[in-house]
């Protein structure tokens, strides 16, 4: 039911799909199966988020171990890779990246100004990465760092959601890997840029 809901939310919007339709598409005879298992729409949304975060924890653990061996735990690109790249390994049952569409909508609903706070259950390796990244961005106020992290995530999710379009690219056009690398470099620049103070405007 979680994967079916993820795909339907990605296509129809988190508030645009009925719980009854999700239950039906998931093969549930009980039209109130979502409410029975998850309590509410919000409960289902958080369950999808937590399910995917838990799937990515082993990948992030390995990436953190490698970064520590290479003495790169203060490198912004390395840390952002650990946050973002595990999402490449989350295709849905049809081989698509519907999670990208779901997470984009999920982030739009986030209202927290605390760095790395997107709701859901705490996940150790993701939270450790956020702690290391927050230390790297210590020159930024927390709400600015959080806003930039969300903005950078949207940039990454935009290229991930277009993954399939690169399969039919013309000869000489950039590959998905090239586009992805360039996009993450943009994310690094976006997240790590110095803060322009009010006194700097107009100069």
N, C-alpha and C. Protein backbone atom coordinates (compact mmCIF):
# COMPACT_ATOMS: atom_id res chain seq x y z
N UNK A 1 0.82 -1.20 0.00
CA UNK A 1 0.00 0.00 0.00
C UNK A 1 0.87 1.26 0.00
N UNK A 2 2.01 1.20 0.66
CA UNK A 2 2.91 2.35 0.74
C UNK A 2 3.41 2.74 -0.65
N UNK A 3 3.84 1.76 -1.43
CA UNK A 3 4.38 2.06 -2.76
C UNK A 3 3.28 2.53 -3.71
N UNK A 4 2.11 1.94 -3.59
CA UNK A 4 0.98 2.38 -4.41
C UNK A 4 0.63 3.83 -4.07
N UNK A 5 0.56 4.15 -2.79
CA UNK A 5 0.24 5.51 -2.38
C UNK A 5 1.31 6.50 -2.83
N UNK A 6 2.57 6.10 -2.72
CA UNK A 6 3.65 6.98 -3.17
C UNK A 6 3.47 7.36 -4.63
N UNK A 7 3.23 6.35 -5.46
CA UNK A 7 3.06 6.60 -6.89
C UNK A 7 1.84 7.48 -7.17
N UNK A 8 0.75 7.20 -6.48
CA UNK A 8 -0.47 7.98 -6.71
C UNK A 8 -0.33 9.41 -6.20
N UNK A 9 0.34 9.59 -5.07
CA UNK A 9 0.59 10.93 -4.57
C UNK A 9 1.49 11.71 -5.52
N UNK A 10 2.49 11.03 -6.08
CA UNK A 10 3.41 11.68 -7.01
C UNK A 10 2.68 12.18 -8.24
N UNK A 11 1.70 11.41 -8.70
CA UNK A 11 0.97 11.76 -9.92
C UNK A 11 -0.19 12.72 -9.66
N UNK A 12 -0.91 12.50 -8.55
CA UNK A 12 -2.13 13.26 -8.32
C UNK A 12 -2.08 14.27 -7.21
N UNK A 13 -0.95 14.34 -6.50
CA UNK A 13 -0.83 15.27 -5.38
C UNK A 13 -1.23 14.61 -4.07
N UNK A 14 -0.58 15.02 -3.00
CA UNK A 14 -0.86 14.41 -1.70
C UNK A 14 -2.30 14.61 -1.27
N UNK A 15 -2.86 15.77 -1.60
CA UNK A 15 -4.25 16.03 -1.22
C UNK A 15 -5.23 15.76 -2.36
N UNK A 16 -4.70 15.27 -3.49
CA UNK A 16 -5.56 15.09 -4.65
C UNK A 16 -6.01 13.67 -4.90
N UNK A 17 -5.63 12.75 -4.03
CA UNK A 17 -5.97 11.34 -4.21
C UNK A 17 -6.79 10.87 -3.01
N UNK A 18 -7.88 10.17 -3.27
CA UNK A 18 -8.72 9.71 -2.17
C UNK A 18 -8.12 8.48 -1.50
N UNK A 19 -8.35 8.35 -0.22
CA UNK A 19 -7.87 7.19 0.52
C UNK A 19 -8.55 5.91 0.02
N UNK A 20 -9.80 6.05 -0.40
CA UNK A 20 -10.52 4.89 -0.92
C UNK A 20 -9.88 4.39 -2.21
N UNK A 21 -9.45 5.32 -3.09
CA UNK A 21 -8.81 4.94 -4.35
C UNK A 21 -7.46 4.27 -4.09
N UNK A 22 -6.72 4.76 -3.12
CA UNK A 22 -5.44 4.13 -2.77
C UNK A 22 -5.67 2.70 -2.31
N UNK A 23 -6.65 2.51 -1.44
CA UNK A 23 -6.95 1.16 -0.94
C UNK A 23 -7.35 0.24 -2.08
N UNK A 24 -8.17 0.75 -3.00
CA UNK A 24 -8.62 -0.05 -4.13
C UNK A 24 -7.46 -0.44 -5.04
N UNK A 25 -6.60 0.53 -5.36
CA UNK A 25 -5.47 0.25 -6.24
C UNK A 25 -4.45 -0.68 -5.60
N UNK A 26 -4.43 -0.69 -4.27
CA UNK A 26 -3.52 -1.58 -3.56
C UNK A 26 -4.11 -2.97 -3.35
N UNK A 27 -5.30 -3.19 -3.92
CA UNK A 27 -5.92 -4.50 -3.83
C UNK A 27 -6.59 -4.79 -2.51
N UNK A 28 -6.92 -3.73 -1.78
CA UNK A 28 -7.58 -3.90 -0.48
C UNK A 28 -9.10 -3.89 -0.67
N UNK A 29 -9.76 -4.91 -0.17
CA UNK A 29 -11.21 -4.98 -0.26
C UNK A 29 -11.90 -3.97 0.64
N UNK A 30 -11.24 -3.62 1.74
CA UNK A 30 -11.80 -2.66 2.68
C UNK A 30 -11.45 -1.25 2.24
N UNK A 31 -12.45 -0.44 1.94
CA UNK A 31 -12.22 0.93 1.47
C UNK A 31 -11.58 1.80 2.55
N UNK A 32 -11.64 1.36 3.78
CA UNK A 32 -11.06 2.14 4.88
C UNK A 32 -9.73 1.53 5.35
N UNK A 33 -9.07 0.81 4.45
CA UNK A 33 -7.82 0.14 4.81
C UNK A 33 -6.73 1.12 5.19
N UNK A 34 -6.69 2.28 4.52
CA UNK A 34 -5.66 3.28 4.85
C UNK A 34 -5.85 3.76 6.27
N UNK A 35 -7.08 4.10 6.62
CA UNK A 35 -7.35 4.58 7.97
C UNK A 35 -7.05 3.48 8.99
N UNK A 36 -7.34 2.25 8.63
CA UNK A 36 -7.11 1.14 9.56
C UNK A 36 -5.61 0.96 9.84
N UNK A 37 -4.80 1.01 8.80
CA UNK A 37 -3.37 0.75 8.95
C UNK A 37 -2.56 1.98 9.36
N UNK A 38 -2.98 3.17 8.91
CA UNK A 38 -2.16 4.37 9.11
C UNK A 38 -2.86 5.48 9.88
N UNK A 39 -4.12 5.33 10.13
CA UNK A 39 -4.85 6.31 10.94
C UNK A 39 -5.43 7.46 10.14
N UNK A 40 -4.69 7.99 9.17
CA UNK A 40 -5.13 9.16 8.43
C UNK A 40 -4.25 9.34 7.20
N UNK A 41 -4.60 10.32 6.39
CA UNK A 41 -3.76 10.68 5.24
C UNK A 41 -2.36 11.07 5.71
N UNK A 42 -2.30 11.90 6.76
CA UNK A 42 -1.00 12.33 7.26
C UNK A 42 -0.18 11.16 7.77
N UNK A 43 -0.85 10.20 8.40
CA UNK A 43 -0.15 9.01 8.87
C UNK A 43 0.45 8.21 7.72
N UNK A 44 -0.28 8.13 6.61
CA UNK A 44 0.22 7.44 5.43
C UNK A 44 1.40 8.18 4.82
N UNK A 45 1.29 9.50 4.74
CA UNK A 45 2.38 10.31 4.18
C UNK A 45 3.65 10.10 4.99
N UNK A 46 3.54 10.16 6.31
CA UNK A 46 4.73 9.97 7.17
C UNK A 46 5.26 8.54 7.04
N UNK A 47 4.37 7.58 6.85
CA UNK A 47 4.82 6.19 6.70
C UNK A 47 5.63 6.00 5.43
N UNK A 48 5.22 6.66 4.34
CA UNK A 48 5.99 6.60 3.09
C UNK A 48 7.36 7.22 3.30
N UNK A 49 7.39 8.40 3.90
CA UNK A 49 8.66 9.10 4.14
C UNK A 49 9.59 8.24 4.99
N UNK A 50 9.08 7.71 6.08
CA UNK A 50 9.91 6.91 6.98
C UNK A 50 10.38 5.61 6.31
N UNK A 51 9.52 5.00 5.53
CA UNK A 51 9.87 3.76 4.83
C UNK A 51 11.06 4.00 3.90
N UNK A 52 11.00 5.09 3.14
CA UNK A 52 12.08 5.39 2.21
C UNK A 52 13.35 5.80 2.95
N UNK A 53 13.22 6.58 4.00
CA UNK A 53 14.40 6.98 4.76
C UNK A 53 15.11 5.76 5.36
N UNK A 54 14.33 4.82 5.85
CA UNK A 54 14.91 3.61 6.43
C UNK A 54 15.61 2.77 5.37
N UNK A 55 15.07 2.73 4.16
CA UNK A 55 15.72 2.01 3.06
C UNK A 55 17.09 2.61 2.74
N UNK A 56 17.23 3.91 2.89
CA UNK A 56 18.47 4.58 2.52
C UNK A 56 19.53 4.56 3.62
N UNK A 57 19.15 4.17 4.83
CA UNK A 57 20.09 4.19 5.94
C UNK A 57 21.35 3.33 5.70
N UNK A 58 21.24 2.09 5.21
CA UNK A 58 22.46 1.30 4.98
C UNK A 58 23.38 1.93 3.94
N UNK A 59 22.79 2.55 2.92
CA UNK A 59 23.60 3.21 1.89
C UNK A 59 24.35 4.39 2.50
N UNK A 60 23.66 5.17 3.30
CA UNK A 60 24.30 6.33 3.93
C UNK A 60 25.37 5.89 4.93
N UNK A 61 25.14 4.77 5.60
CA UNK A 61 26.16 4.26 6.53
C UNK A 61 27.44 3.94 5.78
N UNK A 62 27.33 3.28 4.64
CA UNK A 62 28.52 2.95 3.85
C UNK A 62 29.20 4.20 3.31
N UNK A 63 28.42 5.16 2.89
CA UNK A 63 28.99 6.40 2.35
C UNK A 63 29.70 7.20 3.44
N UNK A 64 29.13 7.22 4.63
CA UNK A 64 29.77 7.90 5.75
C UNK A 64 31.08 7.22 6.14
N UNK A 65 31.08 5.90 6.15
CA UNK A 65 32.31 5.17 6.47
C UNK A 65 33.40 5.48 5.46
N UNK A 66 33.03 5.51 4.18
CA UNK A 66 34.01 5.82 3.13
C UNK A 66 34.52 7.24 3.27
N UNK A 67 33.62 8.18 3.56
CA UNK A 67 34.02 9.58 3.72
C UNK A 67 34.96 9.75 4.91
N UNK A 68 34.69 9.00 5.97
CA UNK A 68 35.56 9.09 7.15
C UNK A 68 36.95 8.54 6.85
N UNK A 69 37.01 7.44 6.13
CA UNK A 69 38.32 6.87 5.75
C UNK A 69 39.11 7.84 4.89
N UNK A 70 38.40 8.59 4.06
CA UNK A 70 39.05 9.52 3.13
C UNK A 70 39.22 10.91 3.73
N UNK A 71 38.85 11.05 5.01
CA UNK A 71 38.96 12.34 5.70
C UNK A 71 38.19 13.45 4.96
N UNK A 72 36.95 13.14 4.57
CA UNK A 72 36.13 14.08 3.80
C UNK A 72 34.82 14.42 4.52
N UNK A 73 34.79 14.28 5.82
CA UNK A 73 33.56 14.55 6.55
C UNK A 73 33.27 16.04 6.72
N UNK A 74 34.18 16.89 6.27
CA UNK A 74 33.91 18.33 6.28
C UNK A 74 33.74 18.87 4.87
N UNK A 75 33.75 18.00 3.88
CA UNK A 75 33.61 18.41 2.48
C UNK A 75 32.13 18.50 2.11
N UNK A 76 31.69 19.67 1.66
CA UNK A 76 30.27 19.91 1.40
C UNK A 76 29.74 19.00 0.30
N UNK A 77 30.50 18.81 -0.77
CA UNK A 77 30.02 17.95 -1.87
C UNK A 77 29.83 16.52 -1.38
N UNK A 78 30.77 16.04 -0.59
CA UNK A 78 30.67 14.68 -0.06
C UNK A 78 29.42 14.53 0.80
N UNK A 79 29.19 15.50 1.68
CA UNK A 79 28.03 15.41 2.58
C UNK A 79 26.72 15.52 1.83
N UNK A 80 26.66 16.39 0.83
CA UNK A 80 25.44 16.51 0.05
C UNK A 80 25.22 15.28 -0.82
N UNK A 81 26.30 14.66 -1.28
CA UNK A 81 26.15 13.38 -1.98
C UNK A 81 25.50 12.35 -1.07
N UNK A 82 25.91 12.32 0.19
CA UNK A 82 25.36 11.34 1.13
C UNK A 82 23.87 11.60 1.38
N UNK A 83 23.48 12.86 1.41
CA UNK A 83 22.07 13.21 1.59
C UNK A 83 21.25 12.83 0.36
N UNK A 84 21.78 13.14 -0.83
CA UNK A 84 20.98 13.08 -2.05
C UNK A 84 21.08 11.77 -2.84
N UNK A 85 22.28 11.28 -3.04
CA UNK A 85 22.47 10.19 -3.99
C UNK A 85 21.77 8.88 -3.64
N UNK A 86 21.59 8.53 -2.36
CA UNK A 86 20.86 7.28 -2.08
C UNK A 86 19.46 7.23 -2.68
N UNK A 87 18.90 8.39 -3.01
CA UNK A 87 17.57 8.41 -3.60
C UNK A 87 17.55 7.82 -5.00
N UNK A 88 18.72 7.72 -5.64
CA UNK A 88 18.79 7.10 -6.96
C UNK A 88 18.44 5.63 -6.91
N UNK A 89 18.53 5.02 -5.74
CA UNK A 89 18.31 3.58 -5.60
C UNK A 89 16.90 3.25 -5.13
N UNK A 90 15.96 4.19 -5.33
CA UNK A 90 14.60 3.99 -4.84
C UNK A 90 13.56 4.00 -5.96
N UNK A 91 13.75 3.23 -7.03
CA UNK A 91 12.67 3.17 -8.04
C UNK A 91 11.45 2.47 -7.47
N UNK A 92 10.29 2.79 -8.02
CA UNK A 92 9.07 2.14 -7.55
C UNK A 92 8.92 0.79 -8.23
N UNK A 93 7.79 0.16 -8.03
CA UNK A 93 7.57 -1.17 -8.58
C UNK A 93 7.60 -1.22 -10.10
N UNK A 94 7.44 -0.08 -10.75
CA UNK A 94 7.46 -0.03 -12.22
C UNK A 94 8.80 0.45 -12.76
N UNK A 95 9.77 0.63 -11.87
CA UNK A 95 11.07 1.09 -12.31
C UNK A 95 11.19 2.60 -12.45
N UNK A 96 10.15 3.33 -12.05
CA UNK A 96 10.16 4.79 -12.14
C UNK A 96 10.61 5.39 -10.81
N UNK A 97 10.90 6.67 -10.84
CA UNK A 97 11.31 7.36 -9.61
C UNK A 97 10.16 8.21 -9.08
N UNK A 98 9.05 7.56 -8.75
CA UNK A 98 7.90 8.29 -8.25
C UNK A 98 8.21 8.94 -6.91
N UNK A 99 9.20 8.41 -6.18
CA UNK A 99 9.56 9.00 -4.90
C UNK A 99 9.98 10.44 -5.07
N UNK A 100 10.61 10.78 -6.20
CA UNK A 100 11.04 12.16 -6.44
C UNK A 100 9.83 13.10 -6.44
N UNK A 101 8.76 12.68 -7.11
CA UNK A 101 7.55 13.50 -7.13
C UNK A 101 6.90 13.58 -5.77
N UNK A 102 6.88 12.45 -5.07
CA UNK A 102 6.30 12.46 -3.72
C UNK A 102 7.09 13.36 -2.79
N UNK A 103 8.43 13.22 -2.78
CA UNK A 103 9.24 14.00 -1.85
C UNK A 103 9.17 15.49 -2.16
N UNK A 104 9.07 15.85 -3.43
CA UNK A 104 8.92 17.27 -3.77
C UNK A 104 7.69 17.85 -3.10
N UNK A 105 6.59 17.12 -3.14
CA UNK A 105 5.36 17.59 -2.50
C UNK A 105 5.49 17.56 -0.98
N UNK A 106 6.18 16.55 -0.47
CA UNK A 106 6.38 16.45 0.97
C UNK A 106 7.16 17.66 1.48
N UNK A 107 8.22 18.03 0.76
CA UNK A 107 9.04 19.17 1.19
C UNK A 107 8.27 20.48 1.12
N UNK A 108 7.36 20.58 0.16
CA UNK A 108 6.54 21.79 0.05
C UNK A 108 5.68 21.99 1.30
N UNK A 109 5.38 20.92 1.99
CA UNK A 109 4.53 21.00 3.18
C UNK A 109 5.32 21.26 4.45
N UNK A 110 6.65 21.18 4.34
CA UNK A 110 7.49 21.36 5.53
C UNK A 110 7.49 22.82 5.97
N UNK A 111 7.34 23.04 7.27
CA UNK A 111 7.30 24.41 7.80
C UNK A 111 8.39 24.65 8.83
N UNK A 112 9.21 23.65 9.10
CA UNK A 112 10.22 23.78 10.14
C UNK A 112 11.40 24.63 9.65
N UNK A 113 11.95 25.44 10.56
CA UNK A 113 13.15 26.22 10.26
C UNK A 113 14.38 25.59 10.90
N UNK A 114 14.22 24.42 11.51
CA UNK A 114 15.35 23.74 12.15
C UNK A 114 16.07 22.90 11.11
N UNK A 115 17.37 23.03 11.05
CA UNK A 115 18.14 22.39 9.99
C UNK A 115 17.96 20.87 10.00
N UNK A 116 17.61 20.34 8.83
CA UNK A 116 17.45 18.90 8.69
C UNK A 116 16.16 18.34 9.23
N UNK A 117 15.26 19.19 9.68
CA UNK A 117 14.00 18.73 10.24
C UNK A 117 12.94 18.69 9.15
N UNK A 118 12.57 17.48 8.75
CA UNK A 118 11.54 17.32 7.74
C UNK A 118 10.40 16.46 8.25
N UNK A 119 10.33 16.27 9.57
CA UNK A 119 9.30 15.43 10.14
C UNK A 119 9.71 13.98 10.08
N UNK A 120 8.82 13.11 10.47
CA UNK A 120 9.11 11.69 10.43
C UNK A 120 9.99 11.24 11.58
N UNK A 121 10.35 9.99 11.53
CA UNK A 121 11.17 9.37 12.57
C UNK A 121 12.63 9.76 12.39
N UNK A 122 13.37 9.86 13.50
CA UNK A 122 14.80 10.16 13.42
C UNK A 122 15.52 8.94 12.84
N UNK A 123 16.45 9.20 11.90
CA UNK A 123 17.25 8.15 11.29
C UNK A 123 18.72 8.49 11.50
N UNK A 124 19.42 7.58 12.16
CA UNK A 124 20.74 7.88 12.71
C UNK A 124 21.73 8.41 11.67
N UNK A 125 21.91 7.71 10.57
CA UNK A 125 22.95 8.08 9.61
C UNK A 125 22.59 9.36 8.85
N UNK A 126 21.31 9.54 8.57
CA UNK A 126 20.89 10.79 7.94
C UNK A 126 21.09 11.95 8.91
N UNK A 127 20.71 11.76 10.16
CA UNK A 127 20.88 12.84 11.13
C UNK A 127 22.35 13.15 11.37
N UNK A 128 23.22 12.12 11.37
CA UNK A 128 24.64 12.39 11.53
C UNK A 128 25.15 13.23 10.36
N UNK A 129 24.68 12.91 9.16
CA UNK A 129 25.09 13.68 7.99
C UNK A 129 24.61 15.12 8.10
N UNK A 130 23.39 15.32 8.55
CA UNK A 130 22.88 16.68 8.74
C UNK A 130 23.71 17.42 9.80
N UNK A 131 24.10 16.74 10.86
CA UNK A 131 24.92 17.39 11.89
C UNK A 131 26.26 17.84 11.31
N UNK A 132 26.88 16.98 10.51
CA UNK A 132 28.16 17.33 9.89
C UNK A 132 27.99 18.47 8.89
N UNK A 133 26.90 18.45 8.14
CA UNK A 133 26.65 19.50 7.16
C UNK A 133 26.34 20.82 7.85
N UNK A 134 25.61 20.75 8.96
CA UNK A 134 25.30 21.98 9.70
C UNK A 134 26.58 22.61 10.24
N UNK A 135 27.52 21.78 10.71
CA UNK A 135 28.81 22.30 11.17
C UNK A 135 29.56 22.95 10.02
N UNK A 136 29.48 22.35 8.84
CA UNK A 136 30.13 22.92 7.66
C UNK A 136 29.51 24.26 7.28
N UNK A 137 28.24 24.44 7.58
CA UNK A 137 27.50 25.67 7.24
C UNK A 137 27.30 26.55 8.46
N UNK A 138 28.21 26.47 9.41
CA UNK A 138 28.05 27.19 10.67
C UNK A 138 28.00 28.71 10.49
N UNK A 139 28.47 29.22 9.37
CA UNK A 139 28.45 30.66 9.11
C UNK A 139 27.07 31.16 8.69
N UNK A 140 26.13 30.22 8.51
CA UNK A 140 24.77 30.60 8.10
C UNK A 140 23.80 30.48 9.27
N UNK A 141 22.86 31.42 9.41
CA UNK A 141 21.79 31.23 10.39
C UNK A 141 21.04 29.92 10.08
N UNK A 142 20.52 29.29 11.11
CA UNK A 142 19.91 27.98 10.92
C UNK A 142 18.77 28.00 9.92
N UNK A 143 17.91 29.03 9.99
CA UNK A 143 16.78 29.05 9.07
C UNK A 143 17.23 29.23 7.62
N UNK A 144 18.33 29.94 7.42
CA UNK A 144 18.87 30.11 6.07
C UNK A 144 19.44 28.79 5.56
N UNK A 145 20.20 28.12 6.41
CA UNK A 145 20.77 26.82 6.03
C UNK A 145 19.66 25.82 5.69
N UNK A 146 18.60 25.82 6.47
CA UNK A 146 17.49 24.90 6.20
C UNK A 146 16.80 25.26 4.88
N UNK A 147 16.57 26.53 4.65
CA UNK A 147 15.92 26.95 3.39
C UNK A 147 16.77 26.54 2.19
N UNK A 148 18.08 26.73 2.30
CA UNK A 148 18.95 26.36 1.19
C UNK A 148 18.99 24.84 0.99
N UNK A 149 18.93 24.09 2.07
CA UNK A 149 18.91 22.64 1.96
C UNK A 149 17.65 22.18 1.22
N UNK A 150 16.52 22.79 1.54
CA UNK A 150 15.27 22.46 0.86
C UNK A 150 15.35 22.85 -0.61
N UNK A 151 15.85 24.06 -0.89
CA UNK A 151 15.98 24.52 -2.27
C UNK A 151 16.89 23.59 -3.07
N UNK A 152 18.02 23.22 -2.48
CA UNK A 152 18.93 22.31 -3.15
C UNK A 152 18.30 20.95 -3.41
N UNK A 153 17.48 20.50 -2.47
CA UNK A 153 16.79 19.21 -2.64
C UNK A 153 15.84 19.26 -3.82
N UNK A 154 15.14 20.38 -3.99
CA UNK A 154 14.25 20.52 -5.14
C UNK A 154 15.04 20.45 -6.45
N UNK A 155 16.21 21.04 -6.49
CA UNK A 155 17.04 20.99 -7.69
C UNK A 155 17.41 19.55 -8.03
N UNK A 156 17.80 18.80 -7.01
CA UNK A 156 18.15 17.39 -7.23
C UNK A 156 16.93 16.59 -7.67
N UNK A 157 15.81 16.79 -7.00
CA UNK A 157 14.61 16.02 -7.33
C UNK A 157 14.11 16.34 -8.73
N UNK A 158 14.34 17.55 -9.20
CA UNK A 158 13.92 17.92 -10.56
C UNK A 158 14.66 17.08 -11.59
N UNK A 159 15.97 16.89 -11.41
CA UNK A 159 16.73 16.09 -12.37
C UNK A 159 16.41 14.61 -12.20
N UNK A 160 16.16 14.18 -10.97
CA UNK A 160 15.82 12.77 -10.75
C UNK A 160 14.49 12.42 -11.39
N UNK A 161 13.53 13.32 -11.32
CA UNK A 161 12.21 13.05 -11.90
C UNK A 161 12.27 12.99 -13.43
N UNK A 162 13.35 13.51 -14.02
CA UNK A 162 13.50 13.49 -15.48
C UNK A 162 14.44 12.37 -15.93
N UNK A 163 14.74 11.45 -15.03
CA UNK A 163 15.71 10.39 -15.33
C UNK A 163 15.39 9.66 -16.62
N UNK A 164 14.12 9.32 -16.82
CA UNK A 164 13.74 8.52 -17.99
C UNK A 164 13.92 9.27 -19.30
N UNK A 165 13.86 10.60 -19.28
CA UNK A 165 13.98 11.36 -20.53
C UNK A 165 15.37 11.23 -21.12
N UNK A 166 16.36 10.90 -20.30
CA UNK A 166 17.73 10.77 -20.82
C UNK A 166 17.93 9.46 -21.57
N UNK A 167 17.00 8.52 -21.43
CA UNK A 167 17.13 7.25 -22.13
C UNK A 167 16.93 7.41 -23.63
N UNK A 168 16.27 8.48 -24.04
CA UNK A 168 16.01 8.72 -25.47
C UNK A 168 16.76 9.95 -25.97
N UNK A 169 17.85 10.31 -25.30
CA UNK A 169 18.59 11.51 -25.71
C UNK A 169 19.23 11.30 -27.07
N UNK A 170 19.40 12.39 -27.78
CA UNK A 170 20.04 12.33 -29.09
C UNK A 170 21.55 12.21 -28.95
N UNK A 171 22.19 11.77 -29.99
CA UNK A 171 23.65 11.62 -29.98
C UNK A 171 24.30 12.97 -29.67
N UNK A 172 25.25 12.94 -28.75
CA UNK A 172 25.96 14.16 -28.40
C UNK A 172 25.36 14.94 -27.25
N UNK A 173 24.11 14.63 -26.89
CA UNK A 173 23.49 15.28 -25.74
C UNK A 173 24.05 14.71 -24.44
N UNK A 174 23.99 15.51 -23.38
CA UNK A 174 24.56 15.06 -22.12
C UNK A 174 23.83 13.84 -21.58
N UNK A 175 24.58 13.01 -20.88
CA UNK A 175 24.01 11.83 -20.25
C UNK A 175 23.38 12.22 -18.92
N UNK A 176 22.61 11.29 -18.35
CA UNK A 176 22.03 11.55 -17.04
C UNK A 176 23.12 11.76 -16.01
N UNK A 177 24.19 10.97 -16.09
CA UNK A 177 25.28 11.09 -15.13
C UNK A 177 25.93 12.46 -15.20
N UNK A 178 26.10 12.98 -16.40
CA UNK A 178 26.68 14.32 -16.56
C UNK A 178 25.74 15.39 -16.02
N UNK A 179 24.45 15.25 -16.32
CA UNK A 179 23.47 16.22 -15.83
C UNK A 179 23.37 16.17 -14.31
N UNK A 180 23.43 14.95 -13.76
CA UNK A 180 23.35 14.79 -12.31
C UNK A 180 24.54 15.44 -11.62
N UNK A 181 25.73 15.19 -12.15
CA UNK A 181 26.94 15.77 -11.55
C UNK A 181 26.88 17.29 -11.58
N UNK A 182 26.45 17.85 -12.70
CA UNK A 182 26.35 19.30 -12.82
C UNK A 182 25.30 19.85 -11.86
N UNK A 183 24.18 19.13 -11.72
CA UNK A 183 23.12 19.58 -10.82
C UNK A 183 23.60 19.59 -9.37
N UNK A 184 24.32 18.56 -8.97
CA UNK A 184 24.80 18.53 -7.58
C UNK A 184 25.83 19.63 -7.35
N UNK A 185 26.62 19.94 -8.34
CA UNK A 185 27.54 21.08 -8.21
C UNK A 185 26.76 22.38 -8.01
N UNK A 186 25.64 22.50 -8.70
CA UNK A 186 24.77 23.67 -8.49
C UNK A 186 24.20 23.68 -7.07
N UNK A 187 23.82 22.50 -6.59
CA UNK A 187 23.30 22.40 -5.23
C UNK A 187 24.36 22.85 -4.23
N UNK A 188 25.59 22.39 -4.41
CA UNK A 188 26.68 22.78 -3.50
C UNK A 188 26.85 24.29 -3.50
N UNK A 189 26.84 24.90 -4.69
CA UNK A 189 26.99 26.36 -4.78
C UNK A 189 25.83 27.07 -4.10
N UNK A 190 24.62 26.55 -4.31
CA UNK A 190 23.42 27.14 -3.71
C UNK A 190 23.47 27.07 -2.19
N UNK A 191 23.81 25.90 -1.67
CA UNK A 191 23.77 25.69 -0.22
C UNK A 191 24.92 26.41 0.49
N UNK A 192 26.08 26.46 -0.13
CA UNK A 192 27.28 26.95 0.55
C UNK A 192 27.62 28.41 0.27
N UNK A 193 26.85 29.09 -0.55
CA UNK A 193 27.18 30.48 -0.88
C UNK A 193 27.23 31.34 0.38
N UNK A 194 28.13 32.32 0.42
CA UNK A 194 28.15 33.24 1.57
C UNK A 194 26.82 33.97 1.69
N UNK A 195 26.47 34.33 2.90
CA UNK A 195 25.22 35.03 3.14
C UNK A 195 25.38 36.50 2.77
N UNK A 196 24.52 36.99 1.92
CA UNK A 196 24.54 38.40 1.53
C UNK A 196 23.68 39.18 2.53
N UNK A 197 24.30 40.03 3.30
CA UNK A 197 23.59 40.79 4.32
C UNK A 197 22.84 41.96 3.71
N UNK A 198 21.84 42.48 4.46
CA UNK A 198 21.06 43.61 3.97
C UNK A 198 21.95 44.78 3.57
N UNK A 199 23.04 44.96 4.30
CA UNK A 199 23.92 46.09 4.03
C UNK A 199 24.65 45.96 2.69
N UNK A 200 24.65 44.72 2.14
CA UNK A 200 25.34 44.49 0.87
C UNK A 200 24.47 44.85 -0.33
N UNK A 201 23.16 44.91 -0.14
CA UNK A 201 22.28 45.17 -1.27
C UNK A 201 22.44 46.61 -1.73
N UNK A 202 22.36 46.76 -3.04
CA UNK A 202 22.48 48.09 -3.59
C UNK A 202 23.91 48.50 -3.90
N UNK A 203 24.88 47.66 -3.53
CA UNK A 203 26.27 48.00 -3.81
C UNK A 203 26.62 47.61 -5.22
